[in-house]
Amino acid sequence: MTEPKPDFPSLSNQLLVSMPLLDDHNFAKTVILICQHNEEGAMGIVVNRVVNQSLGEIFLQLSMPVTSLSHMNTPVYDGGPVQQEVGFVIHNGNECDWDSSISINESLCLTTSRDILLAMANGTGPEKAALSLGYAGWGARSA
Protein backbone atom coordinates (compact mmCIF):
# COMPACT_ATOMS: atom_id res chain seq x y z
CA MET A 1 0.00 0.00 0.00
CA THR A 2 1.39 3.40 -0.95
CA GLU A 3 1.19 6.31 1.42
CA PRO A 4 -1.08 9.18 0.38
CA LYS A 5 0.74 12.11 -1.13
CA PRO A 6 0.71 15.12 1.22
CA ASP A 7 -0.85 18.34 -0.02
CA PHE A 8 1.58 20.25 -2.19
CA PRO A 9 3.08 23.16 -0.21
CA SER A 10 2.58 25.99 -2.71
CA LEU A 11 4.65 29.17 -2.44
CA SER A 12 2.19 31.17 -4.56
CA ASN A 13 1.56 34.67 -3.24
CA GLN A 14 4.86 34.69 -1.34
CA LEU A 15 7.97 36.82 -1.79
CA LEU A 16 11.27 35.15 -2.55
CA VAL A 17 14.17 37.34 -1.38
CA SER A 18 17.67 36.59 -2.64
CA MET A 19 20.42 35.87 -0.16
CA PRO A 20 22.92 38.75 0.21
CA LEU A 21 25.83 36.78 -1.24
CA LEU A 22 23.97 35.27 -4.22
CA ASP A 23 26.31 35.62 -7.20
CA ASP A 24 23.87 35.09 -10.08
CA HIS A 25 23.37 38.21 -12.21
CA ASN A 26 19.76 37.19 -12.92
CA PHE A 27 18.75 37.02 -9.27
CA ALA A 28 21.30 38.90 -7.14
CA LYS A 29 19.57 41.48 -4.92
CA THR A 30 16.09 40.60 -6.17
CA VAL A 31 12.67 40.22 -4.64
CA ILE A 32 10.39 37.90 -6.60
CA LEU A 33 6.63 37.64 -6.22
CA ILE A 34 5.75 33.98 -6.75
CA CYS A 35 2.66 34.09 -8.95
CA GLN A 36 2.11 30.40 -9.55
CA HIS A 37 3.65 27.32 -7.93
CA ASN A 38 2.56 23.72 -8.27
CA GLU A 39 3.98 20.24 -8.92
CA GLU A 40 4.92 21.29 -12.47
CA GLY A 41 7.11 24.21 -11.41
CA ALA A 42 6.98 27.85 -10.43
CA MET A 43 6.84 31.26 -12.05
CA GLY A 44 7.36 34.63 -10.50
CA ILE A 45 8.03 38.27 -11.30
CA VAL A 46 11.03 40.25 -10.08
CA VAL A 47 9.42 43.31 -8.47
CA ASN A 48 12.43 45.44 -7.57
CA ARG A 49 14.39 45.97 -10.81
CA VAL A 50 13.29 48.96 -12.84
CA VAL A 51 14.35 49.23 -16.50
CA ASN A 52 15.08 52.50 -18.25
CA GLN A 53 11.61 52.77 -19.79
CA SER A 54 8.20 54.04 -18.76
CA LEU A 55 4.81 52.52 -19.49
CA GLY A 56 4.09 55.53 -21.72
CA GLU A 57 7.08 54.58 -23.88
CA ILE A 58 5.76 51.03 -24.14
CA PHE A 59 2.36 52.38 -25.27
CA LEU A 60 4.13 54.36 -28.01
CA GLN A 61 6.24 51.37 -29.12
CA LEU A 62 3.06 49.28 -29.41
CA SER A 63 1.28 52.10 -31.32
CA MET A 64 -1.48 52.22 -28.71
CA PRO A 65 -3.75 55.24 -28.67
CA VAL A 66 -3.33 56.96 -25.31
CA THR A 67 -6.28 58.93 -23.94
CA SER A 68 -5.28 58.89 -20.26
CA LEU A 69 -2.08 60.12 -18.69
CA SER A 70 -2.53 58.15 -15.46
CA HIS A 71 0.04 55.43 -16.31
CA MET A 72 2.37 57.35 -18.63
CA ASN A 73 5.18 57.73 -16.07
CA THR A 74 4.71 54.34 -14.44
CA PRO A 75 8.06 52.53 -14.36
CA VAL A 76 8.57 49.24 -16.18
CA TYR A 77 10.31 46.35 -14.42
CA ASP A 78 12.74 43.64 -15.45
CA GLY A 79 10.55 40.71 -14.44
CA GLY A 80 13.18 38.02 -14.97
CA PRO A 81 15.33 36.29 -17.56
CA VAL A 82 12.60 34.24 -19.30
CA GLN A 83 10.60 35.64 -22.26
CA GLN A 84 11.78 39.21 -21.82
CA GLU A 85 9.85 40.22 -24.94
CA VAL A 86 6.56 39.46 -23.17
CA GLY A 87 4.83 41.90 -20.83
CA PHE A 88 3.38 40.68 -17.53
CA VAL A 89 1.02 43.06 -15.72
CA ILE A 90 0.59 42.61 -11.98
CA HIS A 91 -2.55 44.51 -11.01
CA ASN A 92 -5.16 45.03 -8.37
CA GLY A 93 -8.67 43.69 -8.71
CA ASN A 94 -10.61 40.86 -7.21
CA GLU A 95 -11.78 39.69 -10.62
CA CYS A 96 -9.24 38.70 -13.24
CA ASP A 97 -11.52 39.38 -16.18
CA TRP A 98 -8.84 40.26 -18.72
CA ASP A 99 -7.70 37.79 -21.36
CA SER A 100 -4.87 35.55 -20.12
CA SER A 101 -5.23 36.38 -16.41
CA ILE A 102 -4.46 34.31 -13.36
CA SER A 103 -5.33 35.10 -9.79
CA ILE A 104 -2.40 35.43 -7.38
CA ASN A 105 -4.62 36.11 -4.37
CA GLU A 106 -8.03 37.63 -3.62
CA SER A 107 -6.93 41.12 -4.65
CA LEU A 108 -3.99 40.63 -7.03
CA CYS A 109 -3.86 39.25 -10.58
CA LEU A 110 -1.30 38.64 -13.31
CA THR A 111 -2.28 39.32 -16.92
CA THR A 112 -0.27 38.83 -20.10
CA SER A 113 -2.68 40.04 -22.75
CA ARG A 114 -2.73 43.21 -24.83
CA ASP A 115 -6.29 44.12 -23.76
CA ILE A 116 -5.16 45.20 -20.30
CA LEU A 117 -2.50 47.51 -21.77
CA LEU A 118 -5.10 49.07 -24.11
CA ALA A 119 -7.40 49.64 -21.14
CA MET A 120 -4.57 51.21 -19.14
CA ALA A 121 -3.73 53.50 -22.06
CA ASN A 122 -7.31 54.76 -22.23
CA GLY A 123 -7.88 55.01 -18.48
CA THR A 124 -10.26 52.09 -18.04
CA GLY A 125 -7.71 49.57 -16.78
CA PRO A 126 -6.81 48.67 -13.22
CA GLU A 127 -6.09 51.53 -10.85
CA LYS A 128 -2.82 50.03 -9.65
CA ALA A 129 -0.62 48.07 -12.02
CA ALA A 130 3.01 47.28 -12.77
CA LEU A 131 4.34 46.05 -16.12
CA SER A 132 7.27 43.65 -16.09
CA LEU A 133 9.15 42.40 -19.11
CA GLY A 134 9.97 38.73 -18.65
CA TYR A 135 9.58 36.41 -15.70
CA ALA A 136 11.50 33.99 -13.51
CA GLY A 137 10.61 30.34 -13.89
CA TRP A 138 11.65 27.00 -12.44
CA GLY A 139 10.76 23.52 -13.58
CA ALA A 140 9.45 20.74 -11.38
CA ARG A 141 11.80 19.35 -8.77
CA SER A 142 13.02 15.86 -9.66
CA ALA A 143 12.82 13.16 -7.11
C-alpha atoms as a PDB file:
ATOM      1  CA  MET A   1       0.000   0.000   0.000  1.00  0.00           C
ATOM      2  CA  THR A   2       1.387   3.400  -0.946  1.00  0.00           C
ATOM      3  CA  GLU A   3       1.191   6.309   1.423  1.00  0.00           C
ATOM      4  CA  PRO A   4      -1.080   9.178   0.385  1.00  0.00           C
ATOM      5  CA  LYS A   5       0.739  12.114  -1.131  1.00  0.00           C
ATOM      6  CA  PRO A   6       0.712  15.118   1.223  1.00  0.00           C
ATOM      7  CA  ASP A   7      -0.848  18.340  -0.016  1.00  0.00           C
ATOM      8  CA  PHE A   8       1.577  20.248  -2.195  1.00  0.00           C
ATOM      9  CA  PRO A   9       3.078  23.164  -0.205  1.00  0.00           C
ATOM     10  CA  SER A  10       2.582  25.987  -2.712  1.00  0.00           C
ATOM     11  CA  LEU A  11       4.646  29.166  -2.441  1.00  0.00           C
ATOM     12  CA  SER A  12       2.191  31.167  -4.559  1.00  0.00           C
ATOM     13  CA  ASN A  13       1.557  34.673  -3.242  1.00  0.00           C
ATOM     14  CA  GLN A  14       4.862  34.687  -1.341  1.00  0.00           C
ATOM     15  CA  LEU A  15       7.966  36.821  -1.785  1.00  0.00           C
ATOM     16  CA  LEU A  16      11.272  35.150  -2.548  1.00  0.00           C
ATOM     17  CA  VAL A  17      14.173  37.341  -1.376  1.00  0.00           C
ATOM     18  CA  SER A  18      17.671  36.590  -2.641  1.00  0.00           C
ATOM     19  CA  MET A  19      20.419  35.867  -0.161  1.00  0.00           C
ATOM     20  CA  PRO A  20      22.917  38.751   0.207  1.00  0.00           C
ATOM     21  CA  LEU A  21      25.832  36.783  -1.241  1.00  0.00           C
ATOM     22  CA  LEU A  22      23.970  35.269  -4.219  1.00  0.00           C
ATOM     23  CA  ASP A  23      26.307  35.616  -7.199  1.00  0.00           C
ATOM     24  CA  ASP A  24      23.873  35.088 -10.082  1.00  0.00           C
ATOM     25  CA  HIS A  25      23.373  38.210 -12.212  1.00  0.00           C
ATOM     26  CA  ASN A  26      19.756  37.193 -12.921  1.00  0.00           C
ATOM     27  CA  PHE A  27      18.751  37.017  -9.270  1.00  0.00           C
ATOM     28  CA  ALA A  28      21.298  38.904  -7.142  1.00  0.00           C
ATOM     29  CA  LYS A  29      19.572  41.484  -4.922  1.00  0.00           C
ATOM     30  CA  THR A  30      16.094  40.601  -6.174  1.00  0.00           C
ATOM     31  CA  VAL A  31      12.674  40.218  -4.643  1.00  0.00           C
ATOM     32  CA  ILE A  32      10.389  37.899  -6.599  1.00  0.00           C
ATOM     33  CA  LEU A  33       6.629  37.642  -6.216  1.00  0.00           C
ATOM     34  CA  ILE A  34       5.750  33.979  -6.746  1.00  0.00           C
ATOM     35  CA  CYS A  35       2.663  34.094  -8.949  1.00  0.00           C
ATOM     36  CA  GLN A  36       2.114  30.402  -9.547  1.00  0.00           C
ATOM     37  CA  HIS A  37       3.646  27.319  -7.927  1.00  0.00           C
ATOM     38  CA  ASN A  38       2.556  23.716  -8.271  1.00  0.00           C
ATOM     39  CA  GLU A  39       3.984  20.244  -8.924  1.00  0.00           C
ATOM     40  CA  GLU A  40       4.917  21.285 -12.470  1.00  0.00           C
ATOM     41  CA  GLY A  41       7.108  24.208 -11.414  1.00  0.00           C
ATOM     42  CA  ALA A  42       6.977  27.851 -10.426  1.00  0.00           C
ATOM     43  CA  MET A  43       6.843  31.264 -12.051  1.00  0.00           C
ATOM     44  CA  GLY A  44       7.363  34.632 -10.495  1.00  0.00           C
ATOM     45  CA  ILE A  45       8.027  38.266 -11.305  1.00  0.00           C
ATOM     46  CA  VAL A  46      11.028  40.254 -10.079  1.00  0.00           C
ATOM     47  CA  VAL A  47       9.423  43.306  -8.472  1.00  0.00           C
ATOM     48  CA  ASN A  48      12.429  45.444  -7.568  1.00  0.00           C
ATOM     49  CA  ARG A  49      14.388  45.972 -10.807  1.00  0.00           C
ATOM     50  CA  VAL A  50      13.289  48.963 -12.845  1.00  0.00           C
ATOM     51  CA  VAL A  51      14.354  49.227 -16.499  1.00  0.00           C
ATOM     52  CA  ASN A  52      15.083  52.498 -18.255  1.00  0.00           C
ATOM     53  CA  GLN A  53      11.610  52.767 -19.791  1.00  0.00           C
ATOM     54  CA  SER A  54       8.198  54.041 -18.763  1.00  0.00           C
ATOM     55  CA  LEU A  55       4.809  52.524 -19.487  1.00  0.00           C
ATOM     56  CA  GLY A  56       4.094  55.533 -21.724  1.00  0.00           C
ATOM     57  CA  GLU A  57       7.081  54.582 -23.885  1.00  0.00           C
ATOM     58  CA  ILE A  58       5.756  51.030 -24.139  1.00  0.00           C
ATOM     59  CA  PHE A  59       2.361  52.380 -25.275  1.00  0.00           C
ATOM     60  CA  LEU A  60       4.127  54.362 -28.008  1.00  0.00           C
ATOM     61  CA  GLN A  61       6.238  51.367 -29.121  1.00  0.00           C
ATOM     62  CA  LEU A  62       3.062  49.283 -29.411  1.00  0.00           C
ATOM     63  CA  SER A  63       1.281  52.096 -31.316  1.00  0.00           C
ATOM     64  CA  MET A  64      -1.478  52.216 -28.712  1.00  0.00           C
ATOM     65  CA  PRO A  65      -3.750  55.242 -28.666  1.00  0.00           C
ATOM     66  CA  VAL A  66      -3.326  56.963 -25.309  1.00  0.00           C
ATOM     67  CA  THR A  67      -6.276  58.934 -23.942  1.00  0.00           C
ATOM     68  CA  SER A  68      -5.278  58.886 -20.263  1.00  0.00           C
ATOM     69  CA  LEU A  69      -2.077  60.123 -18.686  1.00  0.00           C
ATOM     70  CA  SER A  70      -2.532  58.149 -15.464  1.00  0.00           C
ATOM     71  CA  HIS A  71       0.038  55.434 -16.313  1.00  0.00           C
ATOM     72  CA  MET A  72       2.370  57.346 -18.633  1.00  0.00           C
ATOM     73  CA  ASN A  73       5.177  57.734 -16.071  1.00  0.00           C
ATOM     74  CA  THR A  74       4.705  54.343 -14.435  1.00  0.00           C
ATOM     75  CA  PRO A  75       8.059  52.534 -14.363  1.00  0.00           C
ATOM     76  CA  VAL A  76       8.571  49.236 -16.183  1.00  0.00           C
ATOM     77  CA  TYR A  77      10.311  46.348 -14.419  1.00  0.00           C
ATOM     78  CA  ASP A  78      12.743  43.641 -15.452  1.00  0.00           C
ATOM     79  CA  GLY A  79      10.546  40.707 -14.444  1.00  0.00           C
ATOM     80  CA  GLY A  80      13.179  38.023 -14.970  1.00  0.00           C
ATOM     81  CA  PRO A  81      15.328  36.288 -17.563  1.00  0.00           C
ATOM     82  CA  VAL A  82      12.599  34.235 -19.297  1.00  0.00           C
ATOM     83  CA  GLN A  83      10.605  35.638 -22.261  1.00  0.00           C
ATOM     84  CA  GLN A  84      11.776  39.210 -21.822  1.00  0.00           C
ATOM     85  CA  GLU A  85       9.853  40.220 -24.941  1.00  0.00           C
ATOM     86  CA  VAL A  86       6.558  39.458 -23.171  1.00  0.00           C
ATOM     87  CA  GLY A  87       4.832  41.897 -20.828  1.00  0.00           C
ATOM     88  CA  PHE A  88       3.381  40.678 -17.534  1.00  0.00           C
ATOM     89  CA  VAL A  89       1.024  43.056 -15.722  1.00  0.00           C
ATOM     90  CA  ILE A  90       0.595  42.614 -11.976  1.00  0.00           C
ATOM     91  CA  HIS A  91      -2.547  44.507 -11.013  1.00  0.00           C
ATOM     92  CA  ASN A  92      -5.159  45.028  -8.365  1.00  0.00           C
ATOM     93  CA  GLY A  93      -8.667  43.693  -8.706  1.00  0.00           C
ATOM     94  CA  ASN A  94     -10.614  40.860  -7.205  1.00  0.00           C
ATOM     95  CA  GLU A  95     -11.778  39.691 -10.620  1.00  0.00           C
ATOM     96  CA  CYS A  96      -9.243  38.697 -13.239  1.00  0.00           C
ATOM     97  CA  ASP A  97     -11.519  39.381 -16.177  1.00  0.00           C
ATOM     98  CA  TRP A  98      -8.841  40.265 -18.721  1.00  0.00           C
ATOM     99  CA  ASP A  99      -7.705  37.790 -21.356  1.00  0.00           C
ATOM    100  CA  SER A 100      -4.872  35.554 -20.117  1.00  0.00           C
ATOM    101  CA  SER A 101      -5.228  36.376 -16.412  1.00  0.00           C
ATOM    102  CA  ILE A 102      -4.460  34.308 -13.360  1.00  0.00           C
ATOM    103  CA  SER A 103      -5.335  35.101  -9.786  1.00  0.00           C
ATOM    104  CA  ILE A 104      -2.400  35.429  -7.381  1.00  0.00           C
ATOM    105  CA  ASN A 105      -4.621  36.106  -4.368  1.00  0.00           C
ATOM    106  CA  GLU A 106      -8.031  37.634  -3.620  1.00  0.00           C
ATOM    107  CA  SER A 107      -6.933  41.121  -4.648  1.00  0.00           C
ATOM    108  CA  LEU A 108      -3.988  40.625  -7.030  1.00  0.00           C
ATOM    109  CA  CYS A 109      -3.858  39.254 -10.579  1.00  0.00           C
ATOM    110  CA  LEU A 110      -1.297  38.643 -13.307  1.00  0.00           C
ATOM    111  CA  THR A 111      -2.278  39.320 -16.918  1.00  0.00           C
ATOM    112  CA  THR A 112      -0.265  38.832 -20.096  1.00  0.00           C
ATOM    113  CA  SER A 113      -2.676  40.044 -22.754  1.00  0.00           C
ATOM    114  CA  ARG A 114      -2.727  43.208 -24.825  1.00  0.00           C
ATOM    115  CA  ASP A 115      -6.286  44.116 -23.764  1.00  0.00           C
ATOM    116  CA  ILE A 116      -5.163  45.202 -20.302  1.00  0.00           C
ATOM    117  CA  LEU A 117      -2.503  47.512 -21.769  1.00  0.00           C
ATOM    118  CA  LEU A 118      -5.096  49.067 -24.106  1.00  0.00           C
ATOM    119  CA  ALA A 119      -7.395  49.640 -21.140  1.00  0.00           C
ATOM    120  CA  MET A 120      -4.570  51.214 -19.138  1.00  0.00           C
ATOM    121  CA  ALA A 121      -3.730  53.502 -22.065  1.00  0.00           C
ATOM    122  CA  ASN A 122      -7.313  54.757 -22.231  1.00  0.00           C
ATOM    123  CA  GLY A 123      -7.877  55.012 -18.480  1.00  0.00           C
ATOM    124  CA  THR A 124     -10.264  52.086 -18.042  1.00  0.00           C
ATOM    125  CA  GLY A 125      -7.711  49.573 -16.780  1.00  0.00           C
ATOM    126  CA  PRO A 126      -6.811  48.671 -13.221  1.00  0.00           C
ATOM    127  CA  GLU A 127      -6.087  51.534 -10.846  1.00  0.00           C
ATOM    128  CA  LYS A 128      -2.817  50.027  -9.649  1.00  0.00           C
ATOM    129  CA  ALA A 129      -0.621  48.066 -12.020  1.00  0.00           C
ATOM    130  CA  ALA A 130       3.008  47.284 -12.775  1.00  0.00           C
ATOM    131  CA  LEU A 131       4.340  46.046 -16.119  1.00  0.00           C
ATOM    132  CA  SER A 132       7.266  43.647 -16.086  1.00  0.00           C
ATOM    133  CA  LEU A 133       9.150  42.401 -19.107  1.00  0.00           C
ATOM    134  CA  GLY A 134       9.967  38.731 -18.646  1.00  0.00           C
ATOM    135  CA  TYR A 135       9.582  36.413 -15.696  1.00  0.00           C
ATOM    136  CA  ALA A 136      11.501  33.995 -13.514  1.00  0.00           C
ATOM    137  CA  GLY A 137      10.614  30.336 -13.886  1.00  0.00           C
ATOM    138  CA  TRP A 138      11.647  27.002 -12.436  1.00  0.00           C
ATOM    139  CA  GLY A 139      10.763  23.515 -13.579  1.00  0.00           C
ATOM    140  CA  ALA A 140       9.453  20.735 -11.379  1.00  0.00           C
ATOM    141  CA  ARG A 141      11.797  19.346  -8.771  1.00  0.00           C
ATOM    142  CA  SER A 142      13.024  15.860  -9.661  1.00  0.00           C
ATOM    143  CA  ALA A 143      12.821  13.155  -7.105  1.00  0.00           C
END
